[in-house]
Amino acid sequence: MAAPSKPVGLGGPRSPACPEPPPTRFHQVHGANIRMDPSGTRATRVESFAHGVCFSREPLAPGQVFLVEIEEKELGWCGHLRLGLTALDPASLASVPEFSLPDLVSLGHSWVFAITRHHNRVPREGQTEAEAAVPSGPQTLLVEPYLRIQQFRIPRDRLVGRSRPGLYSHLLDQLYEQNVLPPTARRSRLGVLFCPREDGTADMHIIINGEDMGPSARGLPAAQPLYAVVDVFASTKSVRLVQLEYGCRYPTPGGTFFWFRVETGTG
């Protein structure tokens, strides 16, 4: 279970989000068994099944997706990737916890979940946990080019996993697009973001292959820096960051922020 979702007073207020978020990178602070590539975009657990906790280098902007793709799996372990957010500055940690669950979460101000498809939804008011666990409607997935999550619309193309080119790649790509493979399958793409609310809090959402899993936690401190947490745990051995092309962000008349991709070329 994640820590109680309530506002906390950590650090100063968040500075205004820039129109286009910078590329995502992993933080130089990470678990003892993690090795980073020179670019800071690939994290590999080189020993054991634990000490694989990683963070984003910078706090996320509202609506910015921290997206990872599972590159390598390791047989013989039970358990999968964990994903979430923390209001703790990774640089301030005396040591990186061995596990995100329960160790990091027990420090407070952190909201982390093991990746499953429907078990992390927070019920709406008047809704039971069983009702929250069931998808609210038919899956549109790639029918719509943009994924709408509360006040944000995000280009969907890079949110969806892609197989390596091969004999059955066309079949696998259809399974990724329909999001019917296990959420922790190799090449799956998993993301986390937060959406501010009018009361000063935020909802955390987890995305699996282009599908919004719904709010996994509510009441996060929207005014505080929130870092992504990725725990390369157990059967998940290596993940790499996937960059989204946001371009510019414009509010629509209804208050929705539209992440607008800009195409460039030489003409």
C-alpha atoms as a PDB file:
ATOM      1  CA  MET A   1       0.000   0.000   0.000  1.00  0.00           C
ATOM      2  CA  ALA A   2       1.187   3.552  -0.679  1.00  0.00           C
ATOM      3  CA  ALA A   3       1.587   6.121   2.059  1.00  0.00           C
ATOM      4  CA  PRO A   4      -1.489   8.225   2.897  1.00  0.00           C
ATOM      5  CA  SER A   5      -2.018  10.840   0.210  1.00  0.00           C
ATOM      6  CA  LYS A   6      -1.933  14.210   1.950  1.00  0.00           C
ATOM      7  CA  PRO A   7      -0.246  17.551   1.281  1.00  0.00           C
ATOM      8  CA  VAL A   8       3.250  17.943   2.755  1.00  0.00           C
ATOM      9  CA  GLY A   9       5.473  20.944   3.282  1.00  0.00           C
ATOM     10  CA  LEU A  10       8.741  20.014   1.612  1.00  0.00           C
ATOM     11  CA  GLY A  11      10.961  22.631  -0.047  1.00  0.00           C
ATOM     12  CA  GLY A  12       9.765  25.743  -1.839  1.00  0.00           C
ATOM     13  CA  PRO A  13       6.855  26.152  -4.264  1.00  0.00           C
ATOM     14  CA  ARG A  14       7.089  24.743  -7.745  1.00  0.00           C
ATOM     15  CA  SER A  15       8.268  27.182 -10.400  1.00  0.00           C
ATOM     16  CA  PRO A  16       5.936  27.648 -13.403  1.00  0.00           C
ATOM     17  CA  ALA A  17       6.125  24.775 -15.886  1.00  0.00           C
ATOM     18  CA  CYS A  18       7.980  25.583 -19.094  1.00  0.00           C
ATOM     19  CA  PRO A  19       6.035  25.278 -22.358  1.00  0.00           C
ATOM     20  CA  GLU A  20       8.066  22.233 -23.365  1.00  0.00           C
ATOM     21  CA  PRO A  21       9.444  19.897 -20.678  1.00  0.00           C
ATOM     22  CA  PRO A  22      13.147  19.053 -20.968  1.00  0.00           C
ATOM     23  CA  PRO A  23      14.182  15.504 -21.924  1.00  0.00           C
ATOM     24  CA  THR A  24      13.797  13.060 -19.072  1.00  0.00           C
ATOM     25  CA  ARG A  25      16.867  11.523 -17.464  1.00  0.00           C
ATOM     26  CA  PHE A  26      17.525   9.316 -14.464  1.00  0.00           C
ATOM     27  CA  HIS A  27      18.954  10.884 -11.322  1.00  0.00           C
ATOM     28  CA  GLN A  28      22.568  10.214 -10.383  1.00  0.00           C
ATOM     29  CA  VAL A  29      21.247   9.002  -7.013  1.00  0.00           C
ATOM     30  CA  HIS A  30      19.970   5.425  -7.331  1.00  0.00           C
ATOM     31  CA  GLY A  31      20.024   1.950  -5.779  1.00  0.00           C
ATOM     32  CA  ALA A  32      23.341   0.178  -5.161  1.00  0.00           C
ATOM     33  CA  ASN A  33      22.677  -2.517  -7.781  1.00  0.00           C
ATOM     34  CA  ILE A  34      21.777  -0.086 -10.591  1.00  0.00           C
ATOM     35  CA  ARG A  35      24.154   0.797 -13.385  1.00  0.00           C
ATOM     36  CA  MET A  36      23.342   3.768 -15.611  1.00  0.00           C
ATOM     37  CA  ASP A  37      24.467   4.208 -19.178  1.00  0.00           C
ATOM     38  CA  PRO A  38      26.421   7.427 -19.905  1.00  0.00           C
ATOM     39  CA  SER A  39      23.324   9.199 -21.233  1.00  0.00           C
ATOM     40  CA  GLY A  40      21.344   8.599 -18.032  1.00  0.00           C
ATOM     41  CA  THR A  41      18.499   7.050 -19.994  1.00  0.00           C
ATOM     42  CA  ARG A  42      18.993   3.333 -19.325  1.00  0.00           C
ATOM     43  CA  ALA A  43      18.996   1.687 -15.903  1.00  0.00           C
ATOM     44  CA  THR A  44      20.093  -1.927 -15.435  1.00  0.00           C
ATOM     45  CA  ARG A  45      20.095  -3.949 -12.216  1.00  0.00           C
ATOM     46  CA  VAL A  46      23.353  -5.894 -12.299  1.00  0.00           C
ATOM     47  CA  GLU A  47      22.995  -8.036  -9.161  1.00  0.00           C
ATOM     48  CA  SER A  48      20.363  -9.658  -6.934  1.00  0.00           C
ATOM     49  CA  PHE A  49      16.688  -8.656  -7.211  1.00  0.00           C
ATOM     50  CA  ALA A  50      16.657  -5.518  -5.047  1.00  0.00           C
ATOM     51  CA  HIS A  51      18.490  -2.204  -4.577  1.00  0.00           C
ATOM     52  CA  GLY A  52      17.047  -1.117  -7.923  1.00  0.00           C
ATOM     53  CA  VAL A  53      15.276   2.136  -6.978  1.00  0.00           C
ATOM     54  CA  CYS A  54      15.743   4.983  -9.485  1.00  0.00           C
ATOM     55  CA  PHE A  55      14.448   8.562  -9.661  1.00  0.00           C
ATOM     56  CA  SER A  56      13.940  11.193 -12.310  1.00  0.00           C
ATOM     57  CA  ARG A  57      16.775  13.718 -12.491  1.00  0.00           C
ATOM     58  CA  GLU A  58      14.353  16.647 -12.359  1.00  0.00           C
ATOM     59  CA  PRO A  59      10.889  17.071 -10.842  1.00  0.00           C
ATOM     60  CA  LEU A  60       8.113  16.433 -13.355  1.00  0.00           C
ATOM     61  CA  ALA A  61       6.038  19.238 -14.810  1.00  0.00           C
ATOM     62  CA  PRO A  62       2.238  18.913 -14.533  1.00  0.00           C
ATOM     63  CA  GLY A  63       1.068  16.533 -17.251  1.00  0.00           C
ATOM     64  CA  GLN A  64       4.613  15.448 -18.138  1.00  0.00           C
ATOM     65  CA  VAL A  65       4.899  11.662 -18.576  1.00  0.00           C
ATOM     66  CA  PHE A  66       7.965   9.849 -17.236  1.00  0.00           C
ATOM     67  CA  LEU A  67       7.901   6.918 -19.653  1.00  0.00           C
ATOM     68  CA  VAL A  68      10.056   3.786 -19.485  1.00  0.00           C
ATOM     69  CA  GLU A  69      10.239   0.735 -21.722  1.00  0.00           C
ATOM     70  CA  ILE A  70      11.112  -2.679 -20.286  1.00  0.00           C
ATOM     71  CA  GLU A  71      14.215  -3.819 -22.177  1.00  0.00           C
ATOM     72  CA  GLU A  72      15.346  -6.920 -20.296  1.00  0.00           C
ATOM     73  CA  LYS A  73      13.705  -9.459 -18.021  1.00  0.00           C
ATOM     74  CA  GLU A  74      15.385 -11.937 -15.677  1.00  0.00           C
ATOM     75  CA  LEU A  75      13.948 -15.371 -14.957  1.00  0.00           C
ATOM     76  CA  GLY A  76      13.890 -16.848 -11.483  1.00  0.00           C
ATOM     77  CA  TRP A  77      12.452 -13.915  -9.546  1.00  0.00           C
ATOM     78  CA  CYS A  78       8.883 -13.168  -8.450  1.00  0.00           C
ATOM     79  CA  GLY A  79       7.648  -9.605  -8.751  1.00  0.00           C
ATOM     80  CA  HIS A  80       7.769  -6.843 -11.312  1.00  0.00           C
ATOM     81  CA  LEU A  81       8.501  -3.178 -11.888  1.00  0.00           C
ATOM     82  CA  ARG A  82       7.221  -0.601  -9.392  1.00  0.00           C
ATOM     83  CA  LEU A  83       6.342   2.935 -10.444  1.00  0.00           C
ATOM     84  CA  GLY A  84       5.224   6.139  -8.772  1.00  0.00           C
ATOM     85  CA  LEU A  85       6.095   9.604  -7.486  1.00  0.00           C
ATOM     86  CA  THR A  86       7.861  11.059  -4.464  1.00  0.00           C
ATOM     87  CA  ALA A  87       7.991  14.532  -2.927  1.00  0.00           C
ATOM     88  CA  LEU A  88      11.379  13.651  -1.407  1.00  0.00           C
ATOM     89  CA  ASP A  89      14.423  15.132  -3.131  1.00  0.00           C
ATOM     90  CA  PRO A  90      16.610  12.108  -4.039  1.00  0.00           C
ATOM     91  CA  ALA A  91      19.738  14.165  -3.311  1.00  0.00           C
ATOM     92  CA  SER A  92      18.550  14.620   0.283  1.00  0.00           C
ATOM     93  CA  LEU A  93      18.329  10.888   1.049  1.00  0.00           C
ATOM     94  CA  ALA A  94      20.954   9.582   3.456  1.00  0.00           C
ATOM     95  CA  SER A  95      20.826   6.323   1.499  1.00  0.00           C
ATOM     96  CA  VAL A  96      18.571   4.924  -1.214  1.00  0.00           C
ATOM     97  CA  PRO A  97      16.134   2.392   0.280  1.00  0.00           C
ATOM     98  CA  GLU A  98      16.539  -1.238  -0.745  1.00  0.00           C
ATOM     99  CA  PHE A  99      12.912  -1.382  -1.943  1.00  0.00           C
ATOM    100  CA  SER A 100      10.406   1.225  -3.047  1.00  0.00           C
ATOM    101  CA  LEU A 101       7.724  -0.900  -1.361  1.00  0.00           C
ATOM    102  CA  PRO A 102       7.635  -0.692   1.570  1.00  0.00           C
ATOM    103  CA  ASP A 103      10.945   1.035   2.384  1.00  0.00           C
ATOM    104  CA  LEU A 104      10.687   4.280   0.391  1.00  0.00           C
ATOM    105  CA  VAL A 105       6.959   4.621   0.971  1.00  0.00           C
ATOM    106  CA  SER A 106       7.463   4.167   4.723  1.00  0.00           C
ATOM    107  CA  LEU A 107       9.577   7.361   4.724  1.00  0.00           C
ATOM    108  CA  GLY A 108       6.396   9.230   3.764  1.00  0.00           C
ATOM    109  CA  HIS A 109       5.600  11.660   0.955  1.00  0.00           C
ATOM    110  CA  SER A 110       5.896   8.852  -1.642  1.00  0.00           C
ATOM    111  CA  TRP A 111       3.266   7.068  -3.710  1.00  0.00           C
ATOM    112  CA  VAL A 112       4.484   3.881  -5.396  1.00  0.00           C
ATOM    113  CA  PHE A 113       2.670   0.849  -6.804  1.00  0.00           C
ATOM    114  CA  ALA A 114       3.572  -2.516  -8.245  1.00  0.00           C
ATOM    115  CA  ILE A 115       2.520  -2.529 -11.893  1.00  0.00           C
ATOM    116  CA  THR A 116      -0.751  -4.363 -12.504  1.00  0.00           C
ATOM    117  CA  ARG A 117      -3.484  -3.559 -14.965  1.00  0.00           C
ATOM    118  CA  HIS A 118      -6.511  -2.602 -12.865  1.00  0.00           C
ATOM    119  CA  HIS A 119      -5.725  -3.069  -9.184  1.00  0.00           C
ATOM    120  CA  ASN A 120      -4.373   0.406  -8.394  1.00  0.00           C
ATOM    121  CA  ARG A 121      -7.389   2.564  -9.181  1.00  0.00           C
ATOM    122  CA  VAL A 122      -8.660   4.898  -6.475  1.00  0.00           C
ATOM    123  CA  PRO A 123     -12.465   4.728  -6.213  1.00  0.00           C
ATOM    124  CA  ARG A 124     -14.382   7.908  -6.991  1.00  0.00           C
ATOM    125  CA  GLU A 125     -16.851   9.265  -4.454  1.00  0.00           C
ATOM    126  CA  GLY A 126     -19.729   6.797  -4.145  1.00  0.00           C
ATOM    127  CA  GLN A 127     -17.840   4.085  -6.042  1.00  0.00           C
ATOM    128  CA  THR A 128     -16.717   0.762  -4.561  1.00  0.00           C
ATOM    129  CA  GLU A 129     -13.194  -0.647  -4.984  1.00  0.00           C
ATOM    130  CA  ALA A 130     -14.611  -3.443  -7.168  1.00  0.00           C
ATOM    131  CA  GLU A 131     -16.277  -0.905  -9.468  1.00  0.00           C
ATOM    132  CA  ALA A 132     -13.068   1.142  -9.691  1.00  0.00           C
ATOM    133  CA  ALA A 133     -11.121  -1.940 -10.781  1.00  0.00           C
ATOM    134  CA  VAL A 134     -13.274  -2.385 -13.897  1.00  0.00           C
ATOM    135  CA  PRO A 135     -12.575  -0.268 -17.001  1.00  0.00           C
ATOM    136  CA  SER A 136     -15.182   2.487 -17.324  1.00  0.00           C
ATOM    137  CA  GLY A 137     -15.809   1.933 -21.019  1.00  0.00           C
ATOM    138  CA  PRO A 138     -14.520   0.407 -24.243  1.00  0.00           C
ATOM    139  CA  GLN A 139     -10.812   0.809 -24.885  1.00  0.00           C
ATOM    140  CA  THR A 140     -10.135   3.327 -27.634  1.00  0.00           C
ATOM    141  CA  LEU A 141      -6.328   3.056 -27.510  1.00  0.00           C
ATOM    142  CA  LEU A 142      -4.987   3.894 -30.970  1.00  0.00           C
ATOM    143  CA  VAL A 143      -8.402   4.868 -32.349  1.00  0.00           C
ATOM    144  CA  GLU A 144      -7.713   8.337 -30.912  1.00  0.00           C
ATOM    145  CA  PRO A 145      -4.273   9.865 -31.566  1.00  0.00           C
ATOM    146  CA  TYR A 146      -4.246  11.612 -28.182  1.00  0.00           C
ATOM    147  CA  LEU A 147      -4.658  10.226 -24.697  1.00  0.00           C
ATOM    148  CA  ARG A 148      -6.743  12.512 -22.518  1.00  0.00           C
ATOM    149  CA  ILE A 149      -6.050  12.426 -18.783  1.00  0.00           C
ATOM    150  CA  GLN A 150      -8.053  15.015 -16.859  1.00  0.00           C
ATOM    151  CA  GLN A 151      -6.949  18.422 -18.226  1.00  0.00           C
ATOM    152  CA  PHE A 152      -4.147  17.056 -20.434  1.00  0.00           C
ATOM    153  CA  ARG A 153      -4.077  15.530 -23.902  1.00  0.00           C
ATOM    154  CA  ILE A 154      -0.882  13.649 -24.759  1.00  0.00           C
ATOM    155  CA  PRO A 155       0.240  12.273 -28.158  1.00  0.00           C
ATOM    156  CA  ARG A 156      -0.355   8.538 -27.923  1.00  0.00           C
ATOM    157  CA  ASP A 157       2.040   7.169 -30.559  1.00  0.00           C
ATOM    158  CA  ARG A 158       5.137   6.803 -28.383  1.00  0.00           C
ATOM    159  CA  LEU A 159       3.185   5.659 -25.352  1.00  0.00           C
ATOM    160  CA  VAL A 160       2.619   2.256 -26.970  1.00  0.00           C
ATOM    161  CA  GLY A 161       5.226  -0.523 -26.984  1.00  0.00           C
ATOM    162  CA  ARG A 162       6.724  -1.820 -30.209  1.00  0.00           C
ATOM    163  CA  SER A 163       8.312  -5.218 -30.861  1.00  0.00           C
ATOM    164  CA  ARG A 164      11.710  -5.686 -32.428  1.00  0.00           C
ATOM    165  CA  PRO A 165      11.481  -6.264 -36.214  1.00  0.00           C
ATOM    166  CA  GLY A 166      11.066  -9.965 -36.924  1.00  0.00           C
ATOM    167  CA  LEU A 167       8.844 -12.730 -38.215  1.00  0.00           C
ATOM    168  CA  TYR A 168       5.994 -12.098 -35.756  1.00  0.00           C
ATOM    169  CA  SER A 169       6.505  -8.396 -35.072  1.00  0.00           C
ATOM    170  CA  HIS A 170       3.283  -7.395 -36.863  1.00  0.00           C
ATOM    171  CA  LEU A 171       1.290  -9.676 -34.551  1.00  0.00           C
ATOM    172  CA  LEU A 172       3.071  -8.474 -31.426  1.00  0.00           C
ATOM    173  CA  ASP A 173       2.542  -4.851 -32.368  1.00  0.00           C
ATOM    174  CA  GLN A 174      -1.201  -5.454 -32.558  1.00  0.00           C
ATOM    175  CA  LEU A 175      -1.109  -6.945 -29.053  1.00  0.00           C
ATOM    176  CA  TYR A 176       0.756  -3.912 -27.718  1.00  0.00           C
ATOM    177  CA  GLU A 177      -1.729  -1.588 -29.394  1.00  0.00           C
ATOM    178  CA  GLN A 178      -4.657  -3.483 -27.888  1.00  0.00           C
ATOM    179  CA  ASN A 179      -2.859  -3.633 -24.515  1.00  0.00           C
ATOM    180  CA  VAL A 180      -3.646  -7.322 -24.033  1.00  0.00           C
ATOM    181  CA  LEU A 181      -0.111  -8.467 -23.211  1.00  0.00           C
ATOM    182  CA  PRO A 182       0.937  -8.648 -19.550  1.00  0.00           C
ATOM    183  CA  PRO A 183       1.715  -5.056 -18.480  1.00  0.00           C
ATOM    184  CA  THR A 184       5.268  -6.062 -17.542  1.00  0.00           C
ATOM    185  CA  ALA A 185       6.046  -7.884 -20.802  1.00  0.00           C
ATOM    186  CA  ARG A 186       9.304  -7.055 -22.538  1.00  0.00           C
ATOM    187  CA  ARG A 187       8.957  -3.898 -24.682  1.00  0.00           C
ATOM    188  CA  SER A 188       5.920  -2.664 -22.739  1.00  0.00           C
ATOM    189  CA  ARG A 189       5.919   1.071 -22.070  1.00  0.00           C
ATOM    190  CA  LEU A 190       4.897   2.296 -18.630  1.00  0.00           C
ATOM    191  CA  GLY A 191       4.482   5.903 -17.580  1.00  0.00           C
ATOM    192  CA  VAL A 192       3.578   8.032 -14.583  1.00  0.00           C
ATOM    193  CA  LEU A 193       2.354  11.625 -14.383  1.00  0.00           C
ATOM    194  CA  PHE A 194       0.399  13.914 -12.091  1.00  0.00           C
ATOM    195  CA  CYS A 195      -2.584  16.160 -12.791  1.00  0.00           C
ATOM    196  CA  PRO A 196      -3.163  19.198 -10.509  1.00  0.00           C
ATOM    197  CA  ARG A 197      -6.611  19.897  -9.119  1.00  0.00           C
ATOM    198  CA  GLU A 198      -8.254  23.178  -8.148  1.00  0.00           C
ATOM    199  CA  ASP A 199      -7.822  22.451  -4.413  1.00  0.00           C
ATOM    200  CA  GLY A 200      -4.025  22.515  -4.708  1.00  0.00           C
ATOM    201  CA  THR A 201      -3.585  18.740  -4.684  1.00  0.00           C
ATOM    202  CA  ALA A 202      -2.875  16.392  -7.564  1.00  0.00           C
ATOM    203  CA  ASP A 203      -3.869  12.960  -8.829  1.00  0.00           C
ATOM    204  CA  MET A 204      -1.220  10.450  -9.887  1.00  0.00           C
ATOM    205  CA  HIS A 205      -1.929   8.393 -13.006  1.00  0.00           C
ATOM    206  CA  ILE A 206      -0.127   5.341 -14.377  1.00  0.00           C
ATOM    207  CA  ILE A 207      -0.175   4.597 -18.124  1.00  0.00           C
ATOM    208  CA  ILE A 208       0.352   1.119 -19.589  1.00  0.00           C
ATOM    209  CA  ASN A 209       0.949   0.938 -23.358  1.00  0.00           C
ATOM    210  CA  GLY A 210      -1.116   4.012 -24.077  1.00  0.00           C
ATOM    211  CA  GLU A 211      -3.967   3.229 -21.683  1.00  0.00           C
ATOM    212  CA  ASP A 212      -4.643   5.374 -18.624  1.00  0.00           C
ATOM    213  CA  MET A 213      -5.117   3.150 -15.586  1.00  0.00           C
ATOM    214  CA  GLY A 214      -6.986   5.892 -13.744  1.00  0.00           C
ATOM    215  CA  PRO A 215      -5.932   7.727 -10.567  1.00  0.00           C
ATOM    216  CA  SER A 216      -3.634   5.539  -8.463  1.00  0.00           C
ATOM    217  CA  ALA A 217      -3.347   8.125  -5.693  1.00  0.00           C
ATOM    218  CA  ARG A 218      -5.027  11.418  -4.835  1.00  0.00           C
ATOM    219  CA  GLY A 219      -4.081  14.322  -2.608  1.00  0.00           C
ATOM    220  CA  LEU A 220      -0.466  14.651  -3.747  1.00  0.00           C
ATOM    221  CA  PRO A 221       1.106  18.083  -3.052  1.00  0.00           C
ATOM    222  CA  ALA A 222       0.818  19.733  -6.469  1.00  0.00           C
ATOM    223  CA  ALA A 223       2.813  22.814  -5.379  1.00  0.00           C
ATOM    224  CA  GLN A 224       5.825  20.747  -4.341  1.00  0.00           C
ATOM    225  CA  PRO A 225       8.484  19.178  -6.610  1.00  0.00           C
ATOM    226  CA  LEU A 226       7.437  15.632  -7.506  1.00  0.00           C
ATOM    227  CA  TYR A 227      10.050  13.188  -8.790  1.00  0.00           C
ATOM    228  CA  ALA A 228       9.284   9.982 -10.673  1.00  0.00           C
ATOM    229  CA  VAL A 229      10.212   6.694  -8.972  1.00  0.00           C
ATOM    230  CA  VAL A 230      11.088   3.553 -10.966  1.00  0.00           C
ATOM    231  CA  ASP A 231      12.018   0.409  -9.033  1.00  0.00           C
ATOM    232  CA  VAL A 232      13.810  -2.045 -11.363  1.00  0.00           C
ATOM    233  CA  PHE A 233      12.704  -4.956  -9.215  1.00  0.00           C
ATOM    234  CA  ALA A 234      12.877  -8.763  -9.417  1.00  0.00           C
ATOM    235  CA  SER A 235      12.004 -10.050 -12.921  1.00  0.00           C
ATOM    236  CA  THR A 236      12.502  -6.594 -14.467  1.00  0.00           C
ATOM    237  CA  LYS A 237      16.231  -6.214 -15.149  1.00  0.00           C
ATOM    238  CA  SER A 238      16.644  -3.196 -17.431  1.00  0.00           C
ATOM    239  CA  VAL A 239      14.538  -0.223 -18.510  1.00  0.00           C
ATOM    240  CA  ARG A 240      15.174   2.707 -20.828  1.00  0.00           C
ATOM    241  CA  LEU A 241      13.545   6.105 -21.000  1.00  0.00           C
ATOM    242  CA  VAL A 242      11.329   6.991 -23.955  1.00  0.00           C
ATOM    243  CA  GLN A 243      11.179  10.678 -24.867  1.00  0.00           C
ATOM    244  CA  LEU A 244       7.853  12.207 -25.833  1.00  0.00           C
ATOM    245  CA  GLU A 245       7.664  15.016 -28.385  1.00  0.00           C
ATOM    246  CA  TYR A 246       5.482  17.625 -26.717  1.00  0.00           C
ATOM    247  CA  GLY A 247       6.374  20.756 -28.648  1.00  0.00           C
ATOM    248  CA  CYS A 248       4.295  23.615 -27.210  1.00  0.00           C
ATOM    249  CA  ARG A 249       1.484  23.570 -24.698  1.00  0.00           C
ATOM    250  CA  TYR A 250      -1.662  25.591 -25.230  1.00  0.00           C
ATOM    251  CA  PRO A 251      -4.788  25.814 -23.042  1.00  0.00           C
ATOM    252  CA  THR A 252      -8.043  25.136 -24.818  1.00  0.00           C
ATOM    253  CA  PRO A 253     -11.235  27.163 -24.139  1.00  0.00           C
ATOM    254  CA  GLY A 254     -12.434  24.442 -21.766  1.00  0.00           C
ATOM    255  CA  GLY A 255      -9.281  24.638 -19.672  1.00  0.00           C
ATOM    256  CA  THR A 256      -7.651  21.554 -21.156  1.00  0.00           C
ATOM    257  CA  PHE A 257      -3.923  21.737 -21.769  1.00  0.00           C
ATOM    258  CA  PHE A 258      -3.014  20.330 -25.139  1.00  0.00           C
ATOM    259  CA  TRP A 259       0.493  18.971 -25.574  1.00  0.00           C
ATOM    260  CA  PHE A 260       1.055  19.970 -29.186  1.00  0.00           C
ATOM    261  CA  ARG A 261       3.795  18.223 -31.166  1.00  0.00           C
ATOM    262  CA  VAL A 262       5.784  20.379 -33.560  1.00  0.00           C
ATOM    263  CA  GLU A 263       7.265  18.710 -36.643  1.00  0.00           C
ATOM    264  CA  THR A 264      10.492  20.185 -37.987  1.00  0.00           C
ATOM    265  CA  GLY A 265      12.411  19.541 -41.181  1.00  0.00           C
ATOM    266  CA  THR A 266      14.507  21.071 -43.897  1.00  0.00           C
ATOM    267  CA  GLY A 267      11.631  21.602 -46.287  1.00  0.00           C
END
